[in-house]
Structure formats: C-alpha cells, structure tokens
C-alpha cells in the first residue's frame, strides 16, 4: 500500500512538472511560435528578481526623479548625468509650468534600442507672489472696499505712466489710442479705490420717421460726481511684476472698469495679453536650459 501511494505521488509530481514547463505554441497562420507557461487558475507567478536584487552591491541602472528648486541647479544636475540621447520636455501650462529632463531617454532613430526613461530631473517653475496675486483677481468683480484693499496691498507693483517712457512705447501708445483712454498714476488709482461717488442721470430721446410713422426710443445715461460734473475715470494703468520668483520684471498694461448698479460701485481689471507675457518669460527660461545643457528641448510631456 505504501509503495502504491509512492507511485501515485511520483506520477502527480511528474504531471505537475510537465504542466509548468514552458510550452511552444503557434501564434499566427505564418507558423510563428512563442513559448508560454500554462498554470492552474488561481496561481500567481512571483518573479525572483526583486529578491535577488536585494543582494546586489550596486543597482543595475539609475532610476528615480530628482526635484530641483532653482533653474541653475536643474541645469547642473542634468549636465552631471546626461548623455548624447538625453532630452528635456517643457510643460507650458500657465498655472503649473515645469521642466522634465529624461536622462536615459530613447536613443535617436527609429531603429535604435529603446531605454527605460526612469532617470529624470524635475523643475517646477515657482510663480512669483505678485504674478499669482494679480492673475488671481484678473477679470473678477470687486466691491469698493475689496478693490481698495487689493490696490493698497499691491500698490508697489503699480508704475507711473511716465516711468520707462510710456509715450514712446509703441505697443502701449497704440493700446491707449485704441481704447481711447489714459493711464492712471499710482496716486490716482489709490484715490479711485478709496471712494468714488457716482450719480447716474438717465434721459430718453425719441426720434420719429415721418415717412413710415415709426418712433424709436434712445436711452442715454451720464455719470456725474457729487458736484454734477462728468466723471472721467482713467481706464488704464501699468504694473511691473515678475512671472517667476527672482525673475525679470515685465511691464503689463491693465484695463480698468467700473460698474454702477443700485447706487453701488463694483470694479474689475483685465491684464492685457498676459499669455504673451508668460510665453516670453517661459521661452527665455527654456532658451537658458538649451544653452546650458546643449540638449534638445520639446514642448510637451515625455512618454
């Protein structure tokens, strides 16, 4: 009986051995073959490599992402580990711009050998507090009190229109002419933010068409100050702010608007072409990386 059990056990073992051996199967009609491993349902295959890697004296390859906090440090780190096939990718998202260097990027050419792309360097552009503050309230309506608070907290960014020869600046002069307005000085902007009494006078005009007998009504409104004089509010002002921390200052034209409803004044401002301002600062940083690392730079995200 014991011998019979022994024979049965041996048969089971041999069957399992044959079951777990790699088997060759045809994978297409052209006779191409591949090896597969057939296992019973419920079993899992556990690789032994991670276990063996724990006993290595050194890793097989570099991997991981180093995060750098300064552009110069990012370039220095890339130069420390780059090779001829390394590449840099630039994410130009205005709210979260970044640079990613893939130090073990795929070799150039469609027939070249692929690489893992697991050794990287990351630089997240630090947007300046001034940029975040002004962009955060851009285009949003503010009450008189909120507008006064905002202007007083950020008055350091506002520039006098004569600073930097504004009249000789073709872009700003063209903008002022296009909008039919003038640039406010910092003092004027503070005065407006602290209080402005506006009275609204409405008039209705009628016009008759004698040939058809039609009548059209035209409503006209006029805003006057407490003395009854027409109000002339500057509709532009200038700010100079950096896009990135410790970066260059950029001069930005800002359109100023007010609304009167129910006797209450609300304010809003619109920064003129801030996308172009960001693009200029971002491209300048990318050009610095190109020169310092001598690597190709792609606008996008790596695979």
Protein backbone atom coordinates (compact mmCIF):
# COMPACT_ATOMS: atom_id res chain seq x y z
CA UNK A 1 0.00 0.00 0.00
CA UNK A 2 2.81 2.39 0.88
CA UNK A 3 4.51 1.60 -2.41
CA UNK A 4 1.28 2.33 -4.30
CA UNK A 5 0.96 5.75 -2.67
CA UNK A 6 4.58 6.45 -3.52
CA UNK A 7 3.99 5.61 -7.17
CA UNK A 8 0.86 7.79 -7.26
CA UNK A 9 2.75 10.74 -5.71
CA UNK A 10 5.55 10.40 -8.21
CA UNK A 11 3.05 10.40 -11.04
CA UNK A 12 1.43 13.58 -9.72
CA UNK A 13 4.81 15.27 -9.38
CA UNK A 14 5.79 14.34 -12.91
CA UNK A 15 2.45 15.62 -14.18
CA UNK A 16 2.92 18.94 -12.41
CA UNK A 17 6.44 19.24 -13.79
CA UNK A 18 5.21 18.74 -17.29
CA UNK A 19 2.35 21.17 -16.67
CA UNK A 20 4.59 24.02 -15.55
CA UNK A 21 7.21 23.58 -18.23
CA UNK A 22 7.22 26.26 -20.95
CA UNK A 23 5.33 25.05 -23.99
CA UNK A 24 5.70 26.17 -27.57
CA UNK A 25 2.59 27.22 -29.48
CA UNK A 26 1.91 28.75 -32.88
CA UNK A 27 0.76 32.34 -32.60
CA UNK A 28 -0.31 33.06 -36.18
CA UNK A 29 -1.02 31.48 -39.54
CA UNK A 30 2.56 32.07 -40.74
CA UNK A 31 3.95 29.47 -38.39
CA UNK A 32 5.48 31.92 -35.91
CA UNK A 33 5.85 30.36 -32.48
CA UNK A 34 6.19 31.55 -28.92
CA UNK A 35 6.74 29.97 -25.51
CA UNK A 36 4.00 30.21 -22.91
CA UNK A 37 3.58 28.96 -19.36
CA UNK A 38 0.28 27.30 -18.54
CA UNK A 39 -0.68 27.31 -14.85
CA UNK A 40 -3.82 26.29 -12.96
CA UNK A 41 -6.36 29.05 -12.28
CA UNK A 42 -5.77 30.86 -9.02
CA UNK A 43 -1.98 30.55 -9.01
CA UNK A 44 0.24 33.61 -9.38
CA UNK A 45 3.71 33.94 -10.81
CA UNK A 46 6.14 35.65 -8.45
CA UNK A 47 9.36 36.96 -10.02
CA UNK A 48 12.52 36.26 -8.05
CA UNK A 49 14.46 39.24 -9.42
CA UNK A 50 13.41 41.73 -6.69
CA UNK A 51 14.52 39.20 -4.11
CA UNK A 52 17.86 38.72 -5.85
CA UNK A 53 18.34 42.46 -6.40
CA UNK A 54 18.32 42.99 -2.64
CA UNK A 55 21.73 41.28 -2.52
CA UNK A 56 23.34 43.34 -5.28
CA UNK A 57 26.23 45.57 -4.26
CA UNK A 58 25.10 48.26 -6.73
CA UNK A 59 21.90 48.88 -8.74
CA UNK A 60 21.82 47.73 -12.35
CA UNK A 61 20.78 51.19 -13.63
CA UNK A 62 19.92 54.67 -12.41
CA UNK A 63 16.25 55.47 -11.84
CA UNK A 64 14.16 57.95 -9.89
CA UNK A 65 13.26 61.63 -10.21
CA UNK A 66 15.27 64.42 -8.60
CA UNK A 67 13.27 67.61 -7.96
CA UNK A 68 15.30 70.80 -8.26
CA UNK A 69 14.21 74.16 -6.87
CA UNK A 70 16.37 76.51 -8.95
CA UNK A 71 16.86 76.65 -12.70
CA UNK A 72 20.66 76.73 -12.32
CA UNK A 73 20.54 73.62 -10.14
CA UNK A 74 18.32 71.89 -12.69
CA UNK A 75 20.86 72.57 -15.45
CA UNK A 76 23.78 71.47 -13.24
CA UNK A 77 22.03 68.21 -12.33
CA UNK A 78 21.22 67.48 -15.97
CA UNK A 79 24.81 68.15 -17.03
CA UNK A 80 26.03 65.78 -14.29
CA UNK A 81 24.12 62.76 -15.63
CA UNK A 82 23.20 63.49 -19.27
CA UNK A 83 24.43 61.59 -22.31
CA UNK A 84 24.03 62.24 -26.04
CA UNK A 85 20.45 60.91 -26.08
CA UNK A 86 19.08 62.75 -23.03
CA UNK A 87 16.18 65.15 -23.66
CA UNK A 88 14.25 67.91 -21.88
CA UNK A 89 10.47 68.36 -22.01
CA UNK A 90 8.80 71.69 -21.21
CA UNK A 91 5.23 71.94 -19.90
CA UNK A 92 3.94 75.44 -20.73
CA UNK A 93 0.80 75.29 -18.59
CA UNK A 94 0.40 78.83 -17.19
CA UNK A 95 -0.82 77.58 -13.81
CA UNK A 96 1.74 74.80 -13.35
CA UNK A 97 4.73 75.18 -15.70
CA UNK A 98 7.58 72.71 -15.38
CA UNK A 99 10.67 71.18 -17.00
CA UNK A 100 11.39 67.44 -17.03
CA UNK A 101 14.73 66.01 -18.14
CA UNK A 102 14.72 62.33 -19.14
CA UNK A 103 18.37 61.43 -18.70
CA UNK A 104 18.06 57.87 -20.07
CA UNK A 105 15.75 58.78 -22.94
CA UNK A 106 15.40 56.54 -26.01
CA UNK A 107 18.30 56.65 -28.43
CA UNK A 108 17.75 58.70 -31.53
CA UNK A 109 16.47 56.92 -34.63
CA UNK A 110 13.57 54.56 -35.35
CA UNK A 111 15.88 51.51 -35.46
CA UNK A 112 17.74 52.37 -32.25
CA UNK A 113 17.43 50.49 -28.99
CA UNK A 114 14.80 51.76 -26.51
CA UNK A 115 15.74 52.72 -22.96
CA UNK A 116 13.82 52.72 -19.71
CA UNK A 117 13.41 56.50 -19.27
CA UNK A 118 13.30 56.14 -15.49
CA UNK A 119 16.12 58.51 -14.52
CA UNK A 120 14.72 62.04 -14.50
CA UNK A 121 15.08 65.58 -13.18
CA UNK A 122 12.08 67.84 -12.49
CA UNK A 123 11.89 71.61 -12.13
CA UNK A 124 8.57 73.22 -11.22
CA UNK A 125 8.67 76.91 -12.10
CA UNK A 126 7.99 78.94 -8.94
CA UNK A 127 5.40 81.54 -9.95
CA UNK A 128 6.01 84.83 -8.15
CA UNK A 129 3.61 86.01 -5.45
CA UNK A 130 2.95 89.17 -7.46
CA UNK A 131 2.02 87.14 -10.55
CA UNK A 132 -0.30 84.87 -8.56
CA UNK A 133 -1.91 87.84 -6.80
CA UNK A 134 -2.67 89.86 -9.92
CA UNK A 135 -3.68 86.87 -12.06
CA UNK A 136 -5.84 85.51 -9.24
CA UNK A 137 -8.15 88.55 -9.28
CA UNK A 138 -7.92 89.23 -13.00
CA UNK A 139 -11.38 89.80 -14.50
CA UNK A 140 -13.21 89.38 -11.17
CA UNK A 141 -15.70 91.96 -9.89
CA UNK A 142 -14.81 93.59 -6.58
CA UNK A 143 -16.76 95.86 -4.31
CA UNK A 144 -15.41 99.30 -3.49
CA UNK A 145 -13.97 98.02 -0.20
CA UNK A 146 -12.41 94.89 -1.72
CA UNK A 147 -10.93 96.91 -4.56
CA UNK A 148 -9.41 99.42 -2.12
CA UNK A 149 -7.92 96.59 -0.04
CA UNK A 150 -6.46 94.92 -3.13
CA UNK A 151 -4.92 98.11 -4.55
CA UNK A 152 -3.38 99.16 -1.23
CA UNK A 153 -1.84 95.71 -0.78
CA UNK A 154 -0.40 95.67 -4.29
CA UNK A 155 0.34 99.35 -4.93
CA UNK A 156 4.06 98.54 -5.08
CA UNK A 157 3.51 96.90 -8.46
CA UNK A 158 1.80 99.94 -9.99
CA UNK A 159 4.01 102.26 -12.02
CA UNK A 160 3.68 105.87 -13.06
CA UNK A 161 2.86 106.14 -16.78
CA UNK A 162 5.96 108.26 -17.39
CA UNK A 163 8.29 105.61 -16.00
CA UNK A 164 10.05 103.90 -18.87
CA UNK A 165 8.97 106.46 -21.48
CA UNK A 166 5.48 105.09 -21.91
CA UNK A 167 4.63 107.64 -24.62
CA UNK A 168 7.47 106.29 -26.74
CA UNK A 169 6.42 102.68 -26.26
CA UNK A 170 4.64 101.82 -29.49
CA UNK A 171 2.60 98.96 -28.01
CA UNK A 172 1.33 100.89 -25.00
CA UNK A 173 0.69 104.04 -27.01
CA UNK A 174 -1.26 102.05 -29.57
CA UNK A 175 -3.27 100.39 -26.82
CA UNK A 176 -4.13 103.74 -25.19
CA UNK A 177 -5.17 105.14 -28.55
CA UNK A 178 -7.22 102.05 -29.40
CA UNK A 179 -9.13 102.13 -26.13
CA UNK A 180 -9.47 105.90 -26.12
CA UNK A 181 -8.16 106.16 -22.58
CA UNK A 182 -5.29 107.35 -20.43
CA UNK A 183 -3.02 105.68 -17.92
CA UNK A 184 -3.69 106.36 -14.26
CA UNK A 185 -0.89 107.25 -11.86
CA UNK A 186 -0.49 105.25 -8.64
CA UNK A 187 -1.96 108.17 -6.64
CA UNK A 188 -4.99 108.37 -8.91
CA UNK A 189 -5.58 104.65 -8.60
CA UNK A 190 -5.45 104.77 -4.81
CA UNK A 191 -7.85 107.73 -4.78
CA UNK A 192 -10.33 105.89 -7.00
CA UNK A 193 -10.13 102.76 -4.88
CA UNK A 194 -10.78 104.58 -1.61
CA UNK A 195 -14.02 106.18 -2.72
CA UNK A 196 -15.88 107.43 -5.74
CA UNK A 197 -19.35 108.97 -5.62
CA UNK A 198 -21.20 108.41 -8.86
CA UNK A 199 -24.61 109.78 -9.76
CA UNK A 200 -26.41 108.32 -12.74
CA UNK A 201 -28.61 110.56 -14.88
CA UNK A 202 -30.85 108.86 -17.42
CA UNK A 203 -32.57 110.54 -20.33
CA UNK A 204 -34.87 109.24 -23.02
CA UNK A 205 -34.78 110.62 -26.55
CA UNK A 206 -37.38 109.90 -29.23
CA UNK A 207 -36.96 110.01 -32.98
CA UNK A 208 -39.85 109.96 -35.49
CA UNK A 209 -39.65 108.63 -39.03
CA UNK A 210 -42.08 110.87 -40.99
CA UNK A 211 -42.30 108.54 -44.00
CA UNK A 212 -43.25 105.42 -42.00
CA UNK A 213 -44.62 106.92 -38.83
CA UNK A 214 -42.29 104.76 -36.67
CA UNK A 215 -40.90 106.09 -33.41
CA UNK A 216 -37.61 104.90 -31.86
CA UNK A 217 -36.57 105.50 -28.26
CA UNK A 218 -32.94 106.04 -27.25
CA UNK A 219 -31.84 105.79 -23.61
CA UNK A 220 -28.83 107.84 -22.56
CA UNK A 221 -27.05 107.64 -19.22
CA UNK A 222 -24.49 110.01 -17.80
CA UNK A 223 -22.31 109.50 -14.74
CA UNK A 224 -21.51 112.60 -12.70
CA UNK A 225 -19.67 113.25 -9.45
CA UNK A 226 -21.07 114.84 -6.30
CA UNK A 227 -20.72 118.29 -7.92
CA UNK A 228 -22.61 117.28 -11.05
CA UNK A 229 -19.52 117.30 -13.26
CA UNK A 230 -18.99 114.42 -15.72
CA UNK A 231 -16.74 111.72 -14.33
CA UNK A 232 -13.58 110.87 -16.22
CA UNK A 233 -12.10 107.67 -14.80
CA UNK A 234 -8.74 106.55 -16.24
CA UNK A 235 -9.35 103.23 -17.92
CA UNK A 236 -5.73 102.01 -17.96
CA UNK A 237 -2.83 101.63 -15.56
CA UNK A 238 0.59 99.98 -15.59
CA UNK A 239 2.13 97.31 -13.38
CA UNK A 240 5.59 95.72 -13.39
CA UNK A 241 5.76 92.21 -11.96
CA UNK A 242 7.97 89.13 -12.34
CA UNK A 243 6.40 85.98 -13.73
CA UNK A 244 8.74 83.70 -11.76
CA UNK A 245 10.46 84.15 -8.41
CA UNK A 246 13.64 86.23 -8.76
CA UNK A 247 12.87 86.60 -12.46
CA UNK A 248 12.89 89.60 -14.75
CA UNK A 249 10.22 92.27 -14.31
CA UNK A 250 7.60 92.58 -17.04
CA UNK A 251 5.54 95.69 -17.70
CA UNK A 252 1.86 94.87 -18.13
CA UNK A 253 -0.94 97.19 -19.25
CA UNK A 254 -4.14 96.76 -17.23
CA UNK A 255 -7.62 97.82 -18.29
CA UNK A 256 -9.77 99.32 -15.51
CA UNK A 257 -13.57 99.10 -15.45
CA UNK A 258 -16.30 100.11 -13.02
CA UNK A 259 -20.00 99.28 -12.89
CA UNK A 260 -22.80 101.17 -11.15
CA UNK A 261 -25.86 99.22 -10.08
CA UNK A 262 -28.36 100.28 -7.44
CA UNK A 263 -26.06 103.05 -6.28
CA UNK A 264 -23.24 100.54 -5.57
CA UNK A 265 -19.95 100.63 -7.46
CA UNK A 266 -18.06 97.48 -8.44
CA UNK A 267 -14.62 97.36 -10.02
CA UNK A 268 -12.74 94.94 -12.20
CA UNK A 269 -9.48 94.95 -14.11
CA UNK A 270 -8.20 92.96 -17.07
CA UNK A 271 -4.49 92.36 -17.64
CA UNK A 272 -3.66 92.92 -21.29
CA UNK A 273 -2.20 89.87 -23.12
CA UNK A 274 -0.84 88.12 -20.06
CA UNK A 275 -0.49 84.98 -22.17
CA UNK A 276 2.20 86.74 -24.19
CA UNK A 277 3.95 87.92 -21.03
CA UNK A 278 4.04 84.38 -19.66
CA UNK A 279 5.16 82.98 -23.01
CA UNK A 280 8.08 85.40 -23.15
CA UNK A 281 9.27 84.54 -19.63
CA UNK A 282 8.81 80.80 -20.21
CA UNK A 283 10.64 80.82 -23.55
CA UNK A 284 13.51 82.76 -22.02
CA UNK A 285 13.94 80.09 -19.33
CA UNK A 286 13.76 77.32 -21.95
CA UNK A 287 16.41 79.04 -24.03
CA UNK A 288 18.66 79.18 -20.96
CA UNK A 289 18.25 75.41 -20.49
CA UNK A 290 19.02 74.75 -24.17
CA UNK A 291 22.25 76.74 -23.97
CA UNK A 292 23.38 75.40 -20.59
CA UNK A 293 22.68 71.70 -21.28
CA UNK A 294 23.06 71.59 -25.08
CA UNK A 295 20.16 69.12 -25.18
CA UNK A 296 17.05 69.07 -27.40
CA UNK A 297 14.01 70.61 -25.71
CA UNK A 298 10.47 69.59 -26.60
CA UNK A 299 7.32 71.41 -25.50
CA UNK A 300 5.15 68.62 -24.10
CA UNK A 301 5.29 65.65 -21.71
CA UNK A 302 7.55 62.59 -22.01
CA UNK A 303 6.02 59.17 -22.52
